[in-house]
């Protein structure tokens, strides 16, 4: 599964409940993934990013990695 860091640097949106959130990734989805991991399911998570400039690939992927770690998800090894 992929956490795309580009969505973490884009402007936030207001959801149907009036709550501000990232356009993507959707935290509720990743919380469900974390629950499956906690239940012993083997889930591989990578952190990546769309980019419009080369430096954004690594920068945003690192932001995605931090997002995963904050949710208690350990992504697979990365190059940074």
PDB file of N, CA and C in Angstrom:
ATOM      1  N   UNK A   1       0.838  -1.141   0.000  1.00  0.00           N
ATOM      2  CA  UNK A   1       0.000   0.000   0.000  1.00  0.00           C
ATOM      3  C   UNK A   1       0.902   1.228   0.000  1.00  0.00           C
ATOM      4  N   UNK A   2       0.419   2.313  -0.558  1.00  0.00           N
ATOM      5  CA  UNK A   2       1.234   3.520  -0.686  1.00  0.00           C
ATOM      6  C   UNK A   2       0.611   4.705   0.041  1.00  0.00           C
ATOM      7  N   UNK A   3       1.438   5.384   0.808  1.00  0.00           N
ATOM      8  CA  UNK A   3       1.067   6.692   1.345  1.00  0.00           C
ATOM      9  C   UNK A   3       1.744   7.716   0.444  1.00  0.00           C
ATOM     10  N   UNK A   4       0.945   8.540  -0.196  1.00  0.00           N
ATOM     11  CA  UNK A   4       1.456   9.535  -1.128  1.00  0.00           C
ATOM     12  C   UNK A   4       1.609  10.865  -0.399  1.00  0.00           C
ATOM     13  N   UNK A   5       2.847  11.306  -0.240  1.00  0.00           N
ATOM     14  CA  UNK A   5       3.127  12.511   0.513  1.00  0.00           C
ATOM     15  C   UNK A   5       2.700  13.806  -0.143  1.00  0.00           C
ATOM     16  N   UNK A   6       2.449  13.776  -1.439  1.00  0.00           N
ATOM     17  CA  UNK A   6       2.056  15.019  -2.104  1.00  0.00           C
ATOM     18  C   UNK A   6       0.754  15.572  -1.523  1.00  0.00           C
ATOM     19  N   UNK A   7      -0.156  14.690  -1.169  1.00  0.00           N
ATOM     20  CA  UNK A   7      -1.420  15.132  -0.581  1.00  0.00           C
ATOM     21  C   UNK A   7      -1.255  15.799   0.775  1.00  0.00           C
ATOM     22  N   UNK A   8      -0.127  15.549   1.433  1.00  0.00           N
ATOM     23  CA  UNK A   8       0.126  16.133   2.748  1.00  0.00           C
ATOM     24  C   UNK A   8       0.649  17.563   2.665  1.00  0.00           C
ATOM     25  N   UNK A   9       1.029  17.995   1.471  1.00  0.00           N
ATOM     26  CA  UNK A   9       1.518  19.365   1.304  1.00  0.00           C
ATOM     27  C   UNK A   9       0.556  20.228   0.479  1.00  0.00           C
ATOM     28  N   UNK A  10      -0.482  19.606  -0.054  1.00  0.00           N
ATOM     29  CA  UNK A  10      -1.500  20.356  -0.793  1.00  0.00           C
ATOM     30  C   UNK A  10      -2.441  21.043   0.207  1.00  0.00           C
ATOM     31  N   UNK A  11      -3.172  22.049  -0.237  1.00  0.00           N
ATOM     32  CA  UNK A  11      -4.139  22.688   0.672  1.00  0.00           C
ATOM     33  C   UNK A  11      -5.153  21.668   1.196  1.00  0.00           C
ATOM     34  N   UNK A  12      -5.518  21.824   2.462  1.00  0.00           N
ATOM     35  CA  UNK A  12      -6.506  20.927   3.052  1.00  0.00           C
ATOM     36  C   UNK A  12      -7.893  21.238   2.498  1.00  0.00           C
ATOM     37  N   UNK A  13      -8.798  20.292   2.674  1.00  0.00           N
ATOM     38  CA  UNK A  13     -10.186  20.437   2.233  1.00  0.00           C
ATOM     39  C   UNK A  13     -11.102  20.267   3.437  1.00  0.00           C
ATOM     40  N   UNK A  14     -12.344  20.636   3.271  1.00  0.00           N
ATOM     41  CA  UNK A  14     -13.359  20.445   4.300  1.00  0.00           C
ATOM     42  C   UNK A  14     -14.197  19.231   3.907  1.00  0.00           C
ATOM     43  N   UNK A  15     -14.306  18.251   4.817  1.00  0.00           N
ATOM     44  CA  UNK A  15     -15.072  17.048   4.500  1.00  0.00           C
ATOM     45  C   UNK A  15     -16.565  17.278   4.726  1.00  0.00           C
ATOM     46  N   UNK A  16     -17.359  16.245   4.514  1.00  0.00           N
ATOM     47  CA  UNK A  16     -18.821  16.357   4.616  1.00  0.00           C
ATOM     48  C   UNK A  16     -19.273  16.720   6.027  1.00  0.00           C
ATOM     49  N   UNK A  17     -18.433  16.460   7.024  1.00  0.00           N
ATOM     50  CA  UNK A  17     -18.774  16.784   8.414  1.00  0.00           C
ATOM     51  C   UNK A  17     -18.251  18.156   8.832  1.00  0.00           C
ATOM     52  N   UNK A  18     -17.685  18.884   7.884  1.00  0.00           N
ATOM     53  CA  UNK A  18     -17.171  20.208   8.177  1.00  0.00           C
ATOM     54  C   UNK A  18     -15.791  20.206   8.807  1.00  0.00           C
ATOM     55  N   UNK A  19     -15.139  19.048   8.815  1.00  0.00           N
ATOM     56  CA  UNK A  19     -13.811  18.921   9.414  1.00  0.00           C
ATOM     57  C   UNK A  19     -12.737  19.133   8.343  1.00  0.00           C
ATOM     58  N   UNK A  20     -11.712  19.888   8.693  1.00  0.00           N
ATOM     59  CA  UNK A  20     -10.600  20.094   7.775  1.00  0.00           C
ATOM     60  C   UNK A  20      -9.722  18.841   7.764  1.00  0.00           C
ATOM     61  N   UNK A  21      -9.313  18.432   6.568  1.00  0.00           N
ATOM     62  CA  UNK A  21      -8.469  17.238   6.438  1.00  0.00           C
ATOM     63  C   UNK A  21      -7.601  17.360   5.202  1.00  0.00           C
ATOM     64  N   UNK A  22      -6.589  16.467   5.151  1.00  0.00           N
ATOM     65  CA  UNK A  22      -5.775  16.385   3.938  1.00  0.00           C
ATOM     66  C   UNK A  22      -6.640  15.869   2.797  1.00  0.00           C
ATOM     67  N   UNK A  23      -6.335  16.285   1.575  1.00  0.00           N
ATOM     68  CA  UNK A  23      -7.034  15.738   0.420  1.00  0.00           C
ATOM     69  C   UNK A  23      -6.784  14.229   0.357  1.00  0.00           C
ATOM     70  N   UNK A  24      -5.576  13.847   0.580  1.00  0.00           N
ATOM     71  CA  UNK A  24      -5.133  12.459   0.718  1.00  0.00           C
ATOM     72  C   UNK A  24      -3.768  12.506   1.363  1.00  0.00           C
ATOM     73  N   UNK A  25      -3.388  11.516   2.064  1.00  0.00           N
ATOM     74  CA  UNK A  25      -4.101  10.286   2.412  1.00  0.00           C
ATOM     75  C   UNK A  25      -5.256  10.565   3.379  1.00  0.00           C
ATOM     76  N   UNK A  26      -6.214   9.662   3.387  1.00  0.00           N
ATOM     77  CA  UNK A  26      -7.370   9.790   4.267  1.00  0.00           C
ATOM     78  C   UNK A  26      -7.045   9.034   5.558  1.00  0.00           C
ATOM     79  N   UNK A  27      -6.972   9.784   6.661  1.00  0.00           N
ATOM     80  CA  UNK A  27      -6.514   9.202   7.919  1.00  0.00           C
ATOM     81  C   UNK A  27      -7.362   8.025   8.382  1.00  0.00           C
ATOM     82  N   UNK A  28      -8.677   8.101   8.211  1.00  0.00           N
ATOM     83  CA  UNK A  28      -9.539   7.005   8.660  1.00  0.00           C
ATOM     84  C   UNK A  28      -9.183   5.700   7.952  1.00  0.00           C
ATOM     85  N   UNK A  29      -8.830   5.783   6.678  1.00  0.00           N
ATOM     86  CA  UNK A  29      -8.406   4.590   5.939  1.00  0.00           C
ATOM     87  C   UNK A  29      -7.137   4.014   6.559  1.00  0.00           C
ATOM     88  N   UNK A  30      -6.161   4.877   6.825  1.00  0.00           N
ATOM     89  CA  UNK A  30      -4.897   4.405   7.374  1.00  0.00           C
ATOM     90  C   UNK A  30      -5.035   3.911   8.797  1.00  0.00           C
ATOM     91  N   UNK A  31      -6.011   4.416   9.528  1.00  0.00           N
ATOM     92  CA  UNK A  31      -6.289   3.859  10.855  1.00  0.00           C
ATOM     93  C   UNK A  31      -6.817   2.435  10.733  1.00  0.00           C
ATOM     94  N   UNK A  32      -7.630   2.169   9.706  1.00  0.00           N
ATOM     95  CA  UNK A  32      -8.105   0.798   9.468  1.00  0.00           C
ATOM     96  C   UNK A  32      -6.939  -0.116   9.094  1.00  0.00           C
ATOM     97  N   UNK A  33      -6.018   0.393   8.293  1.00  0.00           N
ATOM     98  CA  UNK A  33      -4.829  -0.380   7.936  1.00  0.00           C
ATOM     99  C   UNK A  33      -4.039  -0.706   9.201  1.00  0.00           C
ATOM    100  N   UNK A  34      -3.858   0.278  10.071  1.00  0.00           N
ATOM    101  CA  UNK A  34      -3.131   0.068  11.320  1.00  0.00           C
ATOM    102  C   UNK A  34      -3.801  -1.002  12.163  1.00  0.00           C
ATOM    103  N   UNK A  35      -5.128  -1.002  12.225  1.00  0.00           N
ATOM    104  CA  UNK A  35      -5.858  -2.031  12.973  1.00  0.00           C
ATOM    105  C   UNK A  35      -5.553  -3.422  12.425  1.00  0.00           C
ATOM    106  N   UNK A  36      -5.523  -3.558  11.104  1.00  0.00           N
ATOM    107  CA  UNK A  36      -5.205  -4.853  10.484  1.00  0.00           C
ATOM    108  C   UNK A  36      -3.786  -5.283  10.835  1.00  0.00           C
ATOM    109  N   UNK A  37      -2.856  -4.334  10.810  1.00  0.00           N
ATOM    110  CA  UNK A  37      -1.472  -4.637  11.176  1.00  0.00           C
ATOM    111  C   UNK A  37      -1.427  -5.111  12.628  1.00  0.00           C
ATOM    112  N   UNK A  38      -2.147  -4.417  13.504  1.00  0.00           N
ATOM    113  CA  UNK A  38      -2.180  -4.780  14.919  1.00  0.00           C
ATOM    114  C   UNK A  38      -2.790  -6.165  15.132  1.00  0.00           C
ATOM    115  N   UNK A  39      -3.658  -6.591  14.227  1.00  0.00           N
ATOM    116  CA  UNK A  39      -4.271  -7.920  14.299  1.00  0.00           C
ATOM    117  C   UNK A  39      -3.367  -8.998  13.711  1.00  0.00           C
ATOM    118  N   UNK A  40      -2.183  -8.611  13.260  1.00  0.00           N
ATOM    119  CA  UNK A  40      -1.228  -9.576  12.737  1.00  0.00           C
ATOM    120  C   UNK A  40      -1.228  -9.732  11.232  1.00  0.00           C
ATOM    121  N   UNK A  41      -2.021  -8.932  10.539  1.00  0.00           N
ATOM    122  CA  UNK A  41      -2.017  -8.988   9.071  1.00  0.00           C
ATOM    123  C   UNK A  41      -0.706  -8.410   8.564  1.00  0.00           C
ATOM    124  N   UNK A  42      -0.150  -9.040   7.563  1.00  0.00           N
ATOM    125  CA  UNK A  42       1.089  -8.555   6.969  1.00  0.00           C
ATOM    126  C   UNK A  42       0.729  -7.551   5.868  1.00  0.00           C
ATOM    127  N   UNK A  43       1.048  -6.312   6.123  1.00  0.00           N
ATOM    128  CA  UNK A  43       0.747  -5.235   5.185  1.00  0.00           C
ATOM    129  C   UNK A  43       2.049  -4.496   4.905  1.00  0.00           C
ATOM    130  N   UNK A  44       2.413  -4.403   3.645  1.00  0.00           N
ATOM    131  CA  UNK A  44       3.586  -3.628   3.261  1.00  0.00           C
ATOM    132  C   UNK A  44       3.136  -2.234   2.870  1.00  0.00           C
ATOM    133  N   UNK A  45       3.742  -1.247   3.504  1.00  0.00           N
ATOM    134  CA  UNK A  45       3.403   0.148   3.247  1.00  0.00           C
ATOM    135  C   UNK A  45       4.658   0.846   2.733  1.00  0.00           C
ATOM    136  N   UNK A  46       4.518   1.526   1.624  1.00  0.00           N
ATOM    137  CA  UNK A  46       5.613   2.342   1.104  1.00  0.00           C
ATOM    138  C   UNK A  46       5.201   3.808   1.165  1.00  0.00           C
ATOM    139  N   UNK A  47       6.196   4.660   1.198  1.00  0.00           N
ATOM    140  CA  UNK A  47       5.957   6.101   1.211  1.00  0.00           C
ATOM    141  C   UNK A  47       6.571   6.673  -0.055  1.00  0.00           C
ATOM    142  N   UNK A  48       5.775   7.442  -0.766  1.00  0.00           N
ATOM    143  CA  UNK A  48       6.164   7.940  -2.070  1.00  0.00           C
ATOM    144  C   UNK A  48       5.549   9.316  -2.252  1.00  0.00           C
ATOM    145  N   UNK A  49       5.725   9.890  -3.432  1.00  0.00           N
ATOM    146  CA  UNK A  49       5.112  11.180  -3.696  1.00  0.00           C
ATOM    147  C   UNK A  49       5.031  11.456  -5.185  1.00  0.00           C
ATOM    148  N   UNK A  50       3.930  12.085  -5.587  1.00  0.00           N
ATOM    149  CA  UNK A  50       3.888  12.733  -6.884  1.00  0.00           C
ATOM    150  C   UNK A  50       4.801  13.943  -6.748  1.00  0.00           C
ATOM    151  N   UNK A  51       5.274  14.456  -7.848  1.00  0.00           N
ATOM    152  CA  UNK A  51       6.151  15.622  -7.751  1.00  0.00           C
ATOM    153  C   UNK A  51       6.107  16.439  -9.026  1.00  0.00           C
ATOM    154  N   UNK A  52       6.276  17.728  -8.853  1.00  0.00           N
ATOM    155  CA  UNK A  52       6.376  18.636  -9.984  1.00  0.00           C
ATOM    156  C   UNK A  52       7.788  19.189 -10.114  1.00  0.00           C
ATOM    157  N   UNK A  53       8.593  18.953  -9.084  1.00  0.00           N
ATOM    158  CA  UNK A  53      10.007  19.306  -9.079  1.00  0.00           C
ATOM    159  C   UNK A  53      10.769  18.118  -8.493  1.00  0.00           C
ATOM    160  N   UNK A  54      11.961  17.815  -8.982  1.00  0.00           N
ATOM    161  CA  UNK A  54      12.695  16.633  -8.499  1.00  0.00           C
ATOM    162  C   UNK A  54      12.868  16.580  -6.979  1.00  0.00           C
ATOM    163  N   UNK A  55      13.168  17.711  -6.344  1.00  0.00           N
ATOM    164  CA  UNK A  55      13.395  17.686  -4.897  1.00  0.00           C
ATOM    165  C   UNK A  55      12.149  17.290  -4.125  1.00  0.00           C
ATOM    166  N   UNK A  56      10.978  17.490  -4.724  1.00  0.00           N
ATOM    167  CA  UNK A  56       9.734  17.174  -4.028  1.00  0.00           C
ATOM    168  C   UNK A  56       9.552  15.678  -3.797  1.00  0.00           C
ATOM    169  N   UNK A  57      10.142  14.864  -4.632  1.00  0.00           N
ATOM    170  CA  UNK A  57       9.967  13.415  -4.482  1.00  0.00           C
ATOM    171  C   UNK A  57      10.453  12.981  -3.103  1.00  0.00           C
ATOM    172  N   UNK A  58      11.697  13.288  -2.780  1.00  0.00           N
ATOM    173  CA  UNK A  58      12.260  12.870  -1.503  1.00  0.00           C
ATOM    174  C   UNK A  58      11.627  13.638  -0.345  1.00  0.00           C
ATOM    175  N   UNK A  59      11.494  14.955  -0.486  1.00  0.00           N
ATOM    176  CA  UNK A  59      10.920  15.755   0.604  1.00  0.00           C
ATOM    177  C   UNK A  59       9.529  15.261   0.988  1.00  0.00           C
ATOM    178  N   UNK A  60       8.671  15.075  -0.003  1.00  0.00           N
ATOM    179  CA  UNK A  60       7.298  14.659   0.284  1.00  0.00           C
ATOM    180  C   UNK A  60       7.214  13.204   0.719  1.00  0.00           C
ATOM    181  N   UNK A  61       8.097  12.365   0.224  1.00  0.00           N
ATOM    182  CA  UNK A  61       8.132  10.976   0.679  1.00  0.00           C
ATOM    183  C   UNK A  61       8.540  10.918   2.147  1.00  0.00           C
ATOM    184  N   UNK A  62       9.435  11.785   2.561  1.00  0.00           N
ATOM    185  CA  UNK A  62       9.819  11.839   3.975  1.00  0.00           C
ATOM    186  C   UNK A  62       8.653  12.324   4.828  1.00  0.00           C
ATOM    187  N   UNK A  63       7.888  13.273   4.320  1.00  0.00           N
ATOM    188  CA  UNK A  63       6.685  13.732   5.024  1.00  0.00           C
ATOM    189  C   UNK A  63       5.697  12.574   5.154  1.00  0.00           C
ATOM    190  N   UNK A  64       5.549  11.787   4.098  1.00  0.00           N
ATOM    191  CA  UNK A  64       4.661  10.617   4.138  1.00  0.00           C
ATOM    192  C   UNK A  64       5.146   9.604   5.166  1.00  0.00           C
ATOM    193  N   UNK A  65       6.462   9.420   5.239  1.00  0.00           N
ATOM    194  CA  UNK A  65       7.030   8.481   6.217  1.00  0.00           C
ATOM    195  C   UNK A  65       6.724   8.955   7.635  1.00  0.00           C
ATOM    196  N   UNK A  66       6.884  10.241   7.896  1.00  0.00           N
ATOM    197  CA  UNK A  66       6.563  10.787   9.214  1.00  0.00           C
ATOM    198  C   UNK A  66       5.085  10.590   9.539  1.00  0.00           C
ATOM    199  N   UNK A  67       4.229  10.781   8.545  1.00  0.00           N
ATOM    200  CA  UNK A  67       2.792  10.575   8.715  1.00  0.00           C
ATOM    201  C   UNK A  67       2.514   9.130   9.130  1.00  0.00           C
ATOM    202  N   UNK A  68       3.135   8.190   8.425  1.00  0.00           N
ATOM    203  CA  UNK A  68       2.954   6.773   8.751  1.00  0.00           C
ATOM    204  C   UNK A  68       3.423   6.476  10.168  1.00  0.00           C
ATOM    205  N   UNK A  69       4.605   6.934  10.501  1.00  0.00           N
ATOM    206  CA  UNK A  69       5.147   6.671  11.835  1.00  0.00           C
ATOM    207  C   UNK A  69       4.275   7.274  12.926  1.00  0.00           C
ATOM    208  N   UNK A  70       3.701   8.452  12.678  1.00  0.00           N
ATOM    209  CA  UNK A  70       2.805   9.077  13.660  1.00  0.00           C
ATOM    210  C   UNK A  70       1.538   8.262  13.881  1.00  0.00           C
ATOM    211  N   UNK A  71       1.146   7.486  12.887  1.00  0.00           N
ATOM    212  CA  UNK A  71      -0.017   6.611  13.030  1.00  0.00           C
ATOM    213  C   UNK A  71       0.359   5.248  13.605  1.00  0.00           C
ATOM    214  N   UNK A  72       1.659   5.037  13.823  1.00  0.00           N
ATOM    215  CA  UNK A  72       2.109   3.747  14.345  1.00  0.00           C
ATOM    216  C   UNK A  72       2.338   2.718  13.268  1.00  0.00           C
ATOM    217  N   UNK A  73       2.468   3.162  12.029  1.00  0.00           N
ATOM    218  CA  UNK A  73       2.723   2.274  10.899  1.00  0.00           C
ATOM    219  C   UNK A  73       4.190   2.417  10.511  1.00  0.00           C
ATOM    220  N   UNK A  74       4.885   1.286  10.431  1.00  0.00           N
ATOM    221  CA  UNK A  74       6.280   1.324  10.017  1.00  0.00           C
ATOM    222  C   UNK A  74       6.360   0.947   8.543  1.00  0.00           C
ATOM    223  N   UNK A  75       6.714   1.897   7.692  1.00  0.00           N
ATOM    224  CA  UNK A  75       6.827   1.574   6.264  1.00  0.00           C
ATOM    225  C   UNK A  75       8.038   0.680   5.992  1.00  0.00           C
ATOM    226  N   UNK A  76       8.024   0.043   4.833  1.00  0.00           N
ATOM    227  CA  UNK A  76       9.172  -0.786   4.468  1.00  0.00           C
ATOM    228  C   UNK A  76      10.387   0.113   4.268  1.00  0.00           C
ATOM    229  N   UNK A  77      11.566  -0.488   4.247  1.00  0.00           N
ATOM    230  CA  UNK A  77      12.805   0.278   4.117  1.00  0.00           C
ATOM    231  C   UNK A  77      12.738   1.216   2.928  1.00  0.00           C
ATOM    232  N   UNK A  78      13.355   2.355   3.111  1.00  0.00           N
ATOM    233  CA  UNK A  78      13.406   3.363   2.062  1.00  0.00           C
ATOM    234  C   UNK A  78      14.844   3.738   1.801  1.00  0.00           C
ATOM    235  N   UNK A  79      15.066   4.559   0.804  1.00  0.00           N
ATOM    236  CA  UNK A  79      16.424   4.921   0.446  1.00  0.00           C
ATOM    237  C   UNK A  79      16.920   6.151   1.185  1.00  0.00           C
ATOM    238  N   UNK A  80      16.079   6.806   1.972  1.00  0.00           N
ATOM    239  CA  UNK A  80      16.565   7.978   2.683  1.00  0.00           C
ATOM    240  C   UNK A  80      16.722   7.705   4.147  1.00  0.00           C
TER     241      UNK A  80
END
